[in-house]
Amino acid sequence: MQEIGEGLRQLERDVGVVLENLQEHEAFIDLALEASQIAIRTSNREKREALRNAVLNTALPEAPEESMQKMLLTFVDTLSAVHLKLLVLFNDPQGFVNAHQSNFGNISMGAASHLVEAAYPELRGERHIYDPVWKDLYSRALVNTESLHMMMTGMGILERRTTAIGEMLVEFIRSPLPSDA
C-alpha cells in the first residue's frame, strides 16, 4: 500500500492524476482493495510489482473499462511470475533483446525456447517449467503460438506472440511511472 501511495503521488505530480477524484471512483477502490488482498497472499516481488502497477494504471484516465480490469487482475492473481515474464518477453521480443543485448548474441535461427533461455538464465534447461507455463498461456488465449520449439529464422523468433488480451495484460502490469521506464 505504501508503494501504491508513493506511485499515486508521483502520478499526481507527473501526469496530473487528481487523487481526490480517486476517493470517489468505486472501480478504482474495488480494484485497489482486491489487489491488496492478492498481494497479501504472495511474497513474490514480481507479482507484487505487477499488482502495484495494475492499481496505478487503473488510476489513469485511459484505464481499461471495469470488467476488463477485473479480468486482467484475475490473470495477475492466478498466473505465476514465470507466466508474467514470458508474456513480457513475447509481447515485444525485439525490444527486450535490444534492451538486454549482451545476453543474446546473434539470433539468426532457432526456436523461441532459445529466446526464453537467453532472456531468463534461471530457466536454462528447465523445459519442464516453462513448457507447461507456455501451454497455460496458450490455453488462456494470451499467446498465439502453441509451442516454443518450432525452428524458425531469427526474424521469426523475434515476432510478437501475445494476443490482444495478452498485450492488454502486459500493459496493465507495466509501470506507468516515468521514473520506472
N, C-alpha and C. Protein backbone atom coordinates (compact mmCIF):
# COMPACT_ATOMS: atom_id res chain seq x y z
N MET A 1 0.83 -1.19 0.00
CA MET A 1 0.00 0.00 0.00
C MET A 1 0.87 1.26 0.00
N GLN A 2 2.00 1.18 0.70
CA GLN A 2 2.91 2.33 0.73
C GLN A 2 3.44 2.61 -0.67
N GLU A 3 3.83 1.56 -1.40
CA GLU A 3 4.33 1.75 -2.77
C GLU A 3 3.25 2.30 -3.68
N ILE A 4 2.01 1.86 -3.49
CA ILE A 4 0.90 2.38 -4.28
C ILE A 4 0.70 3.86 -3.98
N GLY A 5 0.74 4.20 -2.68
CA GLY A 5 0.59 5.61 -2.30
C GLY A 5 1.67 6.49 -2.91
N GLU A 6 2.91 6.02 -2.85
CA GLU A 6 4.01 6.78 -3.45
C GLU A 6 3.82 6.91 -4.96
N GLY A 7 3.39 5.81 -5.60
CA GLY A 7 3.16 5.84 -7.04
C GLY A 7 2.03 6.79 -7.41
N LEU A 8 0.96 6.80 -6.61
CA LEU A 8 -0.15 7.71 -6.89
C LEU A 8 0.28 9.16 -6.75
N ARG A 9 1.08 9.45 -5.74
CA ARG A 9 1.58 10.83 -5.58
C ARG A 9 2.45 11.22 -6.78
N GLN A 10 3.24 10.27 -7.29
CA GLN A 10 4.06 10.58 -8.46
C GLN A 10 3.18 10.78 -9.69
N LEU A 11 2.12 9.97 -9.84
CA LEU A 11 1.20 10.17 -10.96
C LEU A 11 0.51 11.53 -10.86
N GLU A 12 0.19 11.93 -9.65
CA GLU A 12 -0.43 13.24 -9.45
C GLU A 12 0.53 14.35 -9.89
N ARG A 13 1.77 14.21 -9.49
CA ARG A 13 2.79 15.21 -9.79
C ARG A 13 3.16 15.22 -11.28
N ASP A 14 3.38 14.03 -11.86
CA ASP A 14 3.94 13.95 -13.21
C ASP A 14 2.89 13.86 -14.33
N VAL A 15 1.73 13.28 -14.03
CA VAL A 15 0.75 13.01 -15.08
C VAL A 15 -0.53 13.82 -14.88
N GLY A 16 -0.74 14.35 -13.68
CA GLY A 16 -1.93 15.15 -13.42
C GLY A 16 -3.12 14.38 -12.89
N VAL A 17 -2.91 13.16 -12.39
CA VAL A 17 -4.00 12.40 -11.78
C VAL A 17 -4.45 13.17 -10.53
N VAL A 18 -5.76 13.33 -10.37
CA VAL A 18 -6.30 14.05 -9.22
C VAL A 18 -6.69 13.02 -8.16
N LEU A 19 -5.89 12.94 -7.10
CA LEU A 19 -6.10 11.92 -6.08
C LEU A 19 -7.46 12.03 -5.40
N GLU A 20 -7.96 13.24 -5.21
CA GLU A 20 -9.27 13.41 -4.57
C GLU A 20 -10.37 12.71 -5.37
N ASN A 21 -10.25 12.73 -6.69
CA ASN A 21 -11.25 12.08 -7.54
C ASN A 21 -11.25 10.56 -7.36
N LEU A 22 -10.08 10.00 -7.04
CA LEU A 22 -9.99 8.55 -6.88
C LEU A 22 -10.75 8.07 -5.65
N GLN A 23 -10.90 8.93 -4.64
CA GLN A 23 -11.62 8.55 -3.42
C GLN A 23 -13.08 8.25 -3.71
N GLU A 24 -13.60 8.80 -4.80
CA GLU A 24 -15.00 8.59 -5.17
C GLU A 24 -15.14 7.62 -6.35
N HIS A 25 -14.04 7.13 -6.85
CA HIS A 25 -14.03 6.25 -8.02
C HIS A 25 -14.14 4.80 -7.52
N GLU A 26 -15.36 4.28 -7.51
CA GLU A 26 -15.62 2.97 -6.91
C GLU A 26 -14.84 1.84 -7.56
N ALA A 27 -14.71 1.86 -8.88
CA ALA A 27 -13.98 0.81 -9.58
C ALA A 27 -12.52 0.81 -9.16
N PHE A 28 -11.94 2.00 -9.02
CA PHE A 28 -10.54 2.10 -8.57
C PHE A 28 -10.40 1.54 -7.15
N ILE A 29 -11.30 1.94 -6.27
CA ILE A 29 -11.24 1.48 -4.87
C ILE A 29 -11.38 -0.04 -4.81
N ASP A 30 -12.35 -0.59 -5.55
CA ASP A 30 -12.55 -2.05 -5.58
C ASP A 30 -11.28 -2.76 -6.04
N LEU A 31 -10.70 -2.27 -7.14
CA LEU A 31 -9.51 -2.93 -7.68
C LEU A 31 -8.34 -2.81 -6.71
N ALA A 32 -8.18 -1.65 -6.09
CA ALA A 32 -7.08 -1.46 -5.13
C ALA A 32 -7.22 -2.41 -3.95
N LEU A 33 -8.44 -2.57 -3.45
CA LEU A 33 -8.67 -3.48 -2.32
C LEU A 33 -8.41 -4.93 -2.74
N GLU A 34 -8.90 -5.31 -3.90
CA GLU A 34 -8.69 -6.67 -4.39
C GLU A 34 -7.20 -6.95 -4.63
N ALA A 35 -6.50 -5.99 -5.22
CA ALA A 35 -5.07 -6.15 -5.45
C ALA A 35 -4.31 -6.27 -4.13
N SER A 36 -4.74 -5.53 -3.13
CA SER A 36 -4.10 -5.62 -1.81
C SER A 36 -4.28 -7.00 -1.21
N GLN A 37 -5.46 -7.57 -1.35
CA GLN A 37 -5.70 -8.92 -0.84
C GLN A 37 -4.84 -9.95 -1.56
N ILE A 38 -4.69 -9.79 -2.85
CA ILE A 38 -3.83 -10.70 -3.62
C ILE A 38 -2.38 -10.54 -3.16
N ALA A 39 -1.94 -9.30 -2.97
CA ALA A 39 -0.56 -9.04 -2.56
C ALA A 39 -0.26 -9.67 -1.21
N ILE A 40 -1.22 -9.70 -0.32
CA ILE A 40 -1.03 -10.32 0.99
C ILE A 40 -0.74 -11.81 0.85
N ARG A 41 -1.30 -12.43 -0.19
CA ARG A 41 -1.15 -13.88 -0.39
C ARG A 41 0.11 -14.28 -1.14
N THR A 42 0.95 -13.32 -1.53
CA THR A 42 2.16 -13.67 -2.26
C THR A 42 3.37 -12.92 -1.71
N SER A 43 4.48 -13.61 -1.71
CA SER A 43 5.73 -12.95 -1.32
C SER A 43 6.59 -12.66 -2.56
N ASN A 44 6.09 -13.05 -3.72
CA ASN A 44 6.85 -12.88 -4.95
C ASN A 44 6.93 -11.41 -5.35
N ARG A 45 8.14 -10.90 -5.46
CA ARG A 45 8.38 -9.49 -5.76
C ARG A 45 7.78 -9.09 -7.12
N GLU A 46 7.96 -9.93 -8.15
CA GLU A 46 7.46 -9.58 -9.48
C GLU A 46 5.93 -9.47 -9.50
N LYS A 47 5.26 -10.39 -8.80
CA LYS A 47 3.80 -10.32 -8.77
C LYS A 47 3.33 -9.10 -7.99
N ARG A 48 4.01 -8.80 -6.89
CA ARG A 48 3.62 -7.63 -6.10
C ARG A 48 3.82 -6.34 -6.91
N GLU A 49 4.89 -6.30 -7.68
CA GLU A 49 5.14 -5.15 -8.56
C GLU A 49 4.06 -5.06 -9.64
N ALA A 50 3.67 -6.20 -10.21
CA ALA A 50 2.61 -6.22 -11.22
C ALA A 50 1.30 -5.72 -10.61
N LEU A 51 1.02 -6.10 -9.38
CA LEU A 51 -0.20 -5.65 -8.71
C LEU A 51 -0.17 -4.14 -8.46
N ARG A 52 0.98 -3.63 -8.02
CA ARG A 52 1.12 -2.18 -7.82
C ARG A 52 0.87 -1.45 -9.12
N ASN A 53 1.48 -1.93 -10.19
CA ASN A 53 1.33 -1.28 -11.49
C ASN A 53 -0.11 -1.34 -11.98
N ALA A 54 -0.80 -2.46 -11.73
CA ALA A 54 -2.20 -2.59 -12.12
C ALA A 54 -3.04 -1.52 -11.43
N VAL A 55 -2.82 -1.34 -10.13
CA VAL A 55 -3.58 -0.31 -9.40
C VAL A 55 -3.26 1.07 -9.96
N LEU A 56 -1.99 1.36 -10.18
CA LEU A 56 -1.61 2.67 -10.70
C LEU A 56 -2.20 2.90 -12.09
N ASN A 57 -2.19 1.88 -12.93
CA ASN A 57 -2.76 2.03 -14.28
C ASN A 57 -4.27 2.24 -14.22
N THR A 58 -4.91 1.69 -13.21
CA THR A 58 -6.35 1.88 -13.05
C THR A 58 -6.69 3.32 -12.68
N ALA A 59 -5.74 4.03 -12.08
CA ALA A 59 -5.96 5.43 -11.71
C ALA A 59 -5.88 6.37 -12.91
N LEU A 60 -5.36 5.90 -14.02
CA LEU A 60 -5.17 6.75 -15.20
C LEU A 60 -6.47 6.91 -15.98
N PRO A 61 -6.63 8.04 -16.67
CA PRO A 61 -7.86 8.25 -17.45
C PRO A 61 -8.07 7.20 -18.54
N GLU A 62 -6.99 6.68 -19.11
CA GLU A 62 -7.12 5.70 -20.22
C GLU A 62 -7.13 4.26 -19.72
N ALA A 63 -7.49 4.07 -18.45
CA ALA A 63 -7.54 2.71 -17.87
C ALA A 63 -8.58 1.87 -18.61
N PRO A 64 -8.34 0.56 -18.66
CA PRO A 64 -9.36 -0.31 -19.26
C PRO A 64 -10.68 -0.18 -18.51
N GLU A 65 -11.77 -0.56 -19.17
CA GLU A 65 -13.07 -0.47 -18.50
C GLU A 65 -13.13 -1.50 -17.37
N GLU A 66 -14.06 -1.31 -16.46
CA GLU A 66 -14.09 -2.01 -15.18
C GLU A 66 -14.08 -3.53 -15.30
N SER A 67 -14.90 -4.11 -16.16
CA SER A 67 -14.93 -5.57 -16.26
C SER A 67 -13.61 -6.11 -16.81
N MET A 68 -12.98 -5.35 -17.71
CA MET A 68 -11.67 -5.75 -18.24
C MET A 68 -10.62 -5.67 -17.14
N GLN A 69 -10.67 -4.65 -16.31
CA GLN A 69 -9.74 -4.53 -15.18
C GLN A 69 -9.84 -5.76 -14.28
N LYS A 70 -11.05 -6.17 -13.98
CA LYS A 70 -11.26 -7.33 -13.11
C LYS A 70 -10.69 -8.59 -13.75
N MET A 71 -10.92 -8.76 -15.05
CA MET A 71 -10.40 -9.93 -15.74
C MET A 71 -8.87 -9.92 -15.73
N LEU A 72 -8.27 -8.76 -16.01
CA LEU A 72 -6.81 -8.67 -16.02
C LEU A 72 -6.23 -8.91 -14.63
N LEU A 73 -6.89 -8.40 -13.61
CA LEU A 73 -6.42 -8.62 -12.24
C LEU A 73 -6.52 -10.10 -11.87
N THR A 74 -7.55 -10.78 -12.33
CA THR A 74 -7.67 -12.22 -12.09
C THR A 74 -6.49 -12.96 -12.72
N PHE A 75 -6.08 -12.54 -13.91
CA PHE A 75 -4.90 -13.15 -14.52
C PHE A 75 -3.68 -12.95 -13.63
N VAL A 76 -3.47 -11.73 -13.15
CA VAL A 76 -2.30 -11.46 -12.29
C VAL A 76 -2.36 -12.35 -11.05
N ASP A 77 -3.55 -12.53 -10.51
CA ASP A 77 -3.71 -13.36 -9.31
C ASP A 77 -3.36 -14.82 -9.59
N THR A 78 -3.83 -15.35 -10.69
CA THR A 78 -3.70 -16.79 -10.94
C THR A 78 -2.42 -17.19 -11.68
N LEU A 79 -1.79 -16.27 -12.36
CA LEU A 79 -0.58 -16.60 -13.10
C LEU A 79 0.65 -16.48 -12.18
N SER A 80 1.67 -17.25 -12.50
CA SER A 80 2.92 -17.19 -11.73
C SER A 80 3.82 -16.10 -12.30
N ALA A 81 4.90 -15.83 -11.60
CA ALA A 81 5.88 -14.86 -12.08
C ALA A 81 6.47 -15.31 -13.41
N VAL A 82 6.64 -16.61 -13.60
CA VAL A 82 7.17 -17.12 -14.88
C VAL A 82 6.19 -16.82 -16.01
N HIS A 83 4.90 -17.00 -15.77
CA HIS A 83 3.90 -16.63 -16.77
C HIS A 83 4.07 -15.17 -17.19
N LEU A 84 4.17 -14.31 -16.18
CA LEU A 84 4.27 -12.88 -16.46
C LEU A 84 5.55 -12.54 -17.20
N LYS A 85 6.65 -13.19 -16.83
CA LYS A 85 7.93 -12.95 -17.52
C LYS A 85 7.83 -13.33 -18.99
N LEU A 86 7.24 -14.49 -19.27
CA LEU A 86 7.12 -14.92 -20.67
C LEU A 86 6.22 -13.99 -21.46
N LEU A 87 5.15 -13.53 -20.85
CA LEU A 87 4.28 -12.57 -21.53
C LEU A 87 5.02 -11.29 -21.88
N VAL A 88 5.76 -10.76 -20.92
CA VAL A 88 6.51 -9.52 -21.17
C VAL A 88 7.53 -9.75 -22.29
N LEU A 89 8.25 -10.85 -22.22
CA LEU A 89 9.25 -11.15 -23.25
C LEU A 89 8.62 -11.23 -24.64
N PHE A 90 7.53 -11.99 -24.77
CA PHE A 90 6.96 -12.23 -26.09
C PHE A 90 5.96 -11.17 -26.53
N ASN A 91 5.72 -10.17 -25.69
CA ASN A 91 4.92 -9.03 -26.13
C ASN A 91 5.75 -8.12 -27.04
N ASP A 92 7.05 -8.05 -26.77
CA ASP A 92 7.96 -7.24 -27.59
C ASP A 92 9.35 -7.87 -27.55
N PRO A 93 9.52 -9.04 -28.21
CA PRO A 93 10.82 -9.71 -28.16
C PRO A 93 11.97 -8.85 -28.68
N GLN A 94 11.74 -8.13 -29.76
CA GLN A 94 12.80 -7.30 -30.32
C GLN A 94 13.21 -6.22 -29.33
N GLY A 95 12.26 -5.57 -28.71
CA GLY A 95 12.56 -4.55 -27.71
C GLY A 95 13.30 -5.13 -26.51
N PHE A 96 12.90 -6.33 -26.10
CA PHE A 96 13.55 -6.99 -24.97
C PHE A 96 15.01 -7.28 -25.33
N VAL A 97 15.23 -7.83 -26.50
CA VAL A 97 16.59 -8.15 -26.94
C VAL A 97 17.42 -6.87 -27.04
N ASN A 98 16.84 -5.81 -27.61
CA ASN A 98 17.58 -4.55 -27.73
C ASN A 98 17.99 -4.01 -26.36
N ALA A 99 17.11 -4.17 -25.37
CA ALA A 99 17.39 -3.65 -24.03
C ALA A 99 18.41 -4.50 -23.28
N HIS A 100 18.55 -5.77 -23.66
CA HIS A 100 19.44 -6.70 -22.95
C HIS A 100 20.39 -7.38 -23.92
N GLN A 101 20.91 -6.64 -24.87
CA GLN A 101 21.69 -7.19 -25.98
C GLN A 101 22.80 -8.14 -25.55
N SER A 102 23.47 -7.84 -24.47
CA SER A 102 24.62 -8.66 -24.07
C SER A 102 24.24 -10.10 -23.77
N ASN A 103 22.99 -10.37 -23.44
CA ASN A 103 22.56 -11.73 -23.12
C ASN A 103 22.30 -12.59 -24.35
N PHE A 104 22.15 -11.99 -25.52
CA PHE A 104 21.60 -12.72 -26.65
C PHE A 104 22.57 -13.06 -27.76
N GLY A 105 23.57 -12.24 -28.01
CA GLY A 105 24.45 -12.51 -29.13
C GLY A 105 23.69 -12.35 -30.44
N ASN A 106 24.07 -13.15 -31.46
CA ASN A 106 23.45 -13.07 -32.78
C ASN A 106 22.33 -14.11 -32.88
N ILE A 107 21.13 -13.65 -33.12
CA ILE A 107 19.98 -14.56 -33.27
C ILE A 107 19.70 -14.69 -34.76
N SER A 108 20.13 -15.81 -35.35
CA SER A 108 19.92 -15.98 -36.78
C SER A 108 18.93 -17.09 -37.10
N MET A 109 18.85 -18.08 -36.21
CA MET A 109 17.94 -19.20 -36.43
C MET A 109 17.79 -19.96 -35.13
N GLY A 110 16.67 -20.62 -34.97
CA GLY A 110 16.47 -21.42 -33.76
C GLY A 110 14.99 -21.51 -33.43
N ALA A 111 14.72 -21.65 -32.15
CA ALA A 111 13.35 -21.75 -31.66
C ALA A 111 13.13 -20.67 -30.62
N ALA A 112 11.88 -20.35 -30.39
CA ALA A 112 11.55 -19.32 -29.40
C ALA A 112 12.04 -19.74 -28.00
N SER A 113 12.17 -21.04 -27.78
CA SER A 113 12.67 -21.51 -26.48
C SER A 113 14.09 -21.01 -26.23
N HIS A 114 14.88 -20.83 -27.29
CA HIS A 114 16.24 -20.29 -27.14
C HIS A 114 16.18 -18.87 -26.59
N LEU A 115 15.19 -18.12 -27.03
CA LEU A 115 15.00 -16.75 -26.55
C LEU A 115 14.64 -16.77 -25.06
N VAL A 116 13.77 -17.68 -24.66
CA VAL A 116 13.39 -17.81 -23.25
C VAL A 116 14.63 -18.06 -22.40
N GLU A 117 15.44 -19.01 -22.81
CA GLU A 117 16.61 -19.40 -22.01
C GLU A 117 17.70 -18.34 -22.02
N ALA A 118 17.78 -17.53 -23.09
CA ALA A 118 18.75 -16.43 -23.10
C ALA A 118 18.25 -15.27 -22.25
N ALA A 119 16.95 -15.01 -22.30
CA ALA A 119 16.38 -13.90 -21.55
C ALA A 119 16.37 -14.17 -20.05
N TYR A 120 16.10 -15.41 -19.68
CA TYR A 120 15.98 -15.78 -18.27
C TYR A 120 16.88 -16.98 -17.98
N PRO A 121 18.14 -16.73 -17.66
CA PRO A 121 19.10 -17.82 -17.44
C PRO A 121 18.63 -18.84 -16.39
N GLU A 122 17.81 -18.40 -15.44
CA GLU A 122 17.30 -19.33 -14.43
C GLU A 122 16.38 -20.39 -15.05
N LEU A 123 15.93 -20.18 -16.29
CA LEU A 123 15.08 -21.15 -16.97
C LEU A 123 15.87 -22.02 -17.96
N ARG A 124 17.18 -21.80 -18.06
CA ARG A 124 18.01 -22.58 -18.97
C ARG A 124 17.93 -24.06 -18.59
N GLY A 125 17.54 -24.88 -19.55
CA GLY A 125 17.42 -26.32 -19.33
C GLY A 125 16.21 -26.72 -18.49
N GLU A 126 15.28 -25.80 -18.30
CA GLU A 126 14.12 -26.05 -17.43
C GLU A 126 12.81 -26.13 -18.22
N ARG A 127 12.85 -26.88 -19.31
CA ARG A 127 11.64 -27.04 -20.14
C ARG A 127 10.46 -27.54 -19.33
N HIS A 128 10.75 -28.37 -18.33
CA HIS A 128 9.66 -28.91 -17.51
C HIS A 128 8.94 -27.81 -16.73
N ILE A 129 9.54 -26.63 -16.66
CA ILE A 129 8.88 -25.48 -16.02
C ILE A 129 8.21 -24.61 -17.08
N TYR A 130 8.99 -24.16 -18.08
CA TYR A 130 8.41 -23.17 -18.99
C TYR A 130 7.49 -23.75 -20.06
N ASP A 131 7.61 -25.02 -20.41
CA ASP A 131 6.68 -25.59 -21.39
C ASP A 131 5.24 -25.62 -20.86
N PRO A 132 4.99 -26.14 -19.65
CA PRO A 132 3.61 -26.10 -19.14
C PRO A 132 3.09 -24.67 -18.93
N VAL A 133 3.97 -23.77 -18.55
CA VAL A 133 3.57 -22.37 -18.38
C VAL A 133 3.13 -21.82 -19.73
N TRP A 134 3.90 -22.10 -20.78
CA TRP A 134 3.55 -21.62 -22.11
C TRP A 134 2.22 -22.21 -22.57
N LYS A 135 2.03 -23.51 -22.35
CA LYS A 135 0.76 -24.15 -22.73
C LYS A 135 -0.41 -23.50 -22.00
N ASP A 136 -0.19 -23.14 -20.74
CA ASP A 136 -1.23 -22.46 -19.97
C ASP A 136 -1.54 -21.09 -20.57
N LEU A 137 -0.52 -20.34 -20.93
CA LEU A 137 -0.74 -19.04 -21.56
C LEU A 137 -1.52 -19.21 -22.87
N TYR A 138 -1.18 -20.25 -23.63
CA TYR A 138 -1.86 -20.52 -24.90
C TYR A 138 -3.33 -20.91 -24.65
N SER A 139 -3.56 -21.75 -23.67
CA SER A 139 -4.94 -22.19 -23.39
C SER A 139 -5.80 -21.05 -22.87
N ARG A 140 -5.18 -20.04 -22.27
CA ARG A 140 -5.92 -18.86 -21.78
C ARG A 140 -6.03 -17.78 -22.85
N ALA A 141 -5.56 -18.08 -24.06
CA ALA A 141 -5.62 -17.16 -25.21
C ALA A 141 -4.82 -15.89 -24.97
N LEU A 142 -3.71 -16.00 -24.24
CA LEU A 142 -2.83 -14.86 -24.00
C LEU A 142 -1.68 -14.82 -24.99
N VAL A 143 -1.35 -15.97 -25.60
CA VAL A 143 -0.35 -16.05 -26.66
C VAL A 143 -0.95 -16.79 -27.83
N ASN A 144 -0.39 -16.60 -29.02
CA ASN A 144 -0.98 -17.15 -30.23
C ASN A 144 -0.20 -18.30 -30.85
N THR A 145 0.82 -18.78 -30.16
CA THR A 145 1.65 -19.86 -30.68
C THR A 145 1.63 -21.00 -29.67
N GLU A 146 1.33 -22.19 -30.13
CA GLU A 146 1.16 -23.32 -29.21
C GLU A 146 2.47 -23.84 -28.64
N SER A 147 3.55 -23.75 -29.41
CA SER A 147 4.81 -24.34 -28.96
C SER A 147 5.96 -23.34 -29.07
N LEU A 148 6.90 -23.48 -28.16
CA LEU A 148 8.11 -22.66 -28.20
C LEU A 148 9.24 -23.35 -28.96
N HIS A 149 9.01 -24.52 -29.52
CA HIS A 149 10.10 -25.34 -30.04
C HIS A 149 10.11 -25.54 -31.54
N MET A 150 9.38 -24.72 -32.29
CA MET A 150 9.42 -24.80 -33.75
C MET A 150 10.65 -24.03 -34.24
N MET A 151 11.39 -24.62 -35.17
CA MET A 151 12.56 -23.95 -35.75
C MET A 151 12.08 -22.84 -36.68
N MET A 152 12.79 -21.71 -36.62
CA MET A 152 12.44 -20.56 -37.46
C MET A 152 13.65 -19.66 -37.63
N THR A 153 13.49 -18.65 -38.47
CA THR A 153 14.56 -17.68 -38.67
C THR A 153 14.66 -16.76 -37.45
N GLY A 154 15.71 -15.99 -37.40
CA GLY A 154 15.87 -15.01 -36.33
C GLY A 154 14.73 -14.01 -36.29
N MET A 155 14.27 -13.59 -37.48
CA MET A 155 13.14 -12.67 -37.52
C MET A 155 11.88 -13.32 -36.96
N GLY A 156 11.69 -14.59 -37.24
CA GLY A 156 10.54 -15.31 -36.71
C GLY A 156 10.58 -15.43 -35.20
N ILE A 157 11.76 -15.67 -34.67
CA ILE A 157 11.92 -15.79 -33.21
C ILE A 157 11.52 -14.48 -32.54
N LEU A 158 11.80 -13.36 -33.18
CA LEU A 158 11.58 -12.05 -32.58
C LEU A 158 10.20 -11.46 -32.85
N GLU A 159 9.28 -12.27 -33.39
CA GLU A 159 7.91 -11.80 -33.63
C GLU A 159 7.12 -11.81 -32.34
N ARG A 160 6.22 -10.84 -32.21
CA ARG A 160 5.31 -10.78 -31.06
C ARG A 160 4.42 -12.02 -31.07
N ARG A 161 4.21 -12.58 -29.89
CA ARG A 161 3.37 -13.77 -29.78
C ARG A 161 2.19 -13.57 -28.83
N THR A 162 2.06 -12.38 -28.27
CA THR A 162 0.91 -12.14 -27.41
C THR A 162 -0.31 -11.82 -28.26
N THR A 163 -1.47 -12.25 -27.77
CA THR A 163 -2.74 -11.90 -28.40
C THR A 163 -3.13 -10.49 -27.92
N ALA A 164 -4.24 -10.00 -28.40
CA ALA A 164 -4.70 -8.67 -27.97
C ALA A 164 -4.90 -8.63 -26.46
N ILE A 165 -5.48 -9.68 -25.89
CA ILE A 165 -5.70 -9.70 -24.44
C ILE A 165 -4.37 -9.86 -23.70
N GLY A 166 -3.46 -10.63 -24.26
CA GLY A 166 -2.13 -10.75 -23.66
C GLY A 166 -1.40 -9.42 -23.65
N GLU A 167 -1.53 -8.69 -24.75
CA GLU A 167 -0.92 -7.37 -24.82
C GLU A 167 -1.54 -6.42 -23.81
N MET A 168 -2.87 -6.49 -23.65
CA MET A 168 -3.54 -5.65 -22.65
C MET A 168 -3.04 -5.97 -21.24
N LEU A 169 -2.82 -7.26 -20.97
CA LEU A 169 -2.33 -7.66 -19.65
C LEU A 169 -0.93 -7.11 -19.41
N VAL A 170 -0.07 -7.20 -20.41
CA VAL A 170 1.29 -6.66 -20.26
C VAL A 170 1.24 -5.16 -19.99
N GLU A 171 0.39 -4.45 -20.71
CA GLU A 171 0.25 -3.00 -20.49
C GLU A 171 -0.31 -2.71 -19.10
N PHE A 172 -1.21 -3.55 -18.62
CA PHE A 172 -1.86 -3.38 -17.32
C PHE A 172 -0.85 -3.54 -16.18
N ILE A 173 0.16 -4.39 -16.37
CA ILE A 173 1.13 -4.64 -15.30
C ILE A 173 2.44 -3.86 -15.50
N ARG A 174 2.53 -3.09 -16.58
CA ARG A 174 3.72 -2.26 -16.84
C ARG A 174 3.59 -0.97 -16.03
N SER A 175 4.69 -0.54 -15.46
CA SER A 175 4.66 0.67 -14.65
C SER A 175 4.32 1.89 -15.49
N PRO A 176 3.38 2.71 -15.02
CA PRO A 176 3.07 3.95 -15.72
C PRO A 176 3.94 5.11 -15.26
N LEU A 177 4.84 4.84 -14.31
CA LEU A 177 5.66 5.90 -13.74
C LEU A 177 6.87 6.19 -14.63
N PRO A 178 7.07 7.45 -14.97
CA PRO A 178 8.21 7.81 -15.82
C PRO A 178 9.54 7.37 -15.20
N SER A 179 9.64 7.38 -13.88
CA SER A 179 10.90 7.01 -13.22
C SER A 179 11.21 5.52 -13.34
N ASP A 180 10.20 4.69 -13.66
CA ASP A 180 10.42 3.25 -13.80
C ASP A 180 10.74 2.86 -15.23
N ALA A 181 10.64 3.78 -16.16
CA ALA A 181 10.82 3.45 -17.58
C ALA A 181 12.23 3.06 -17.90
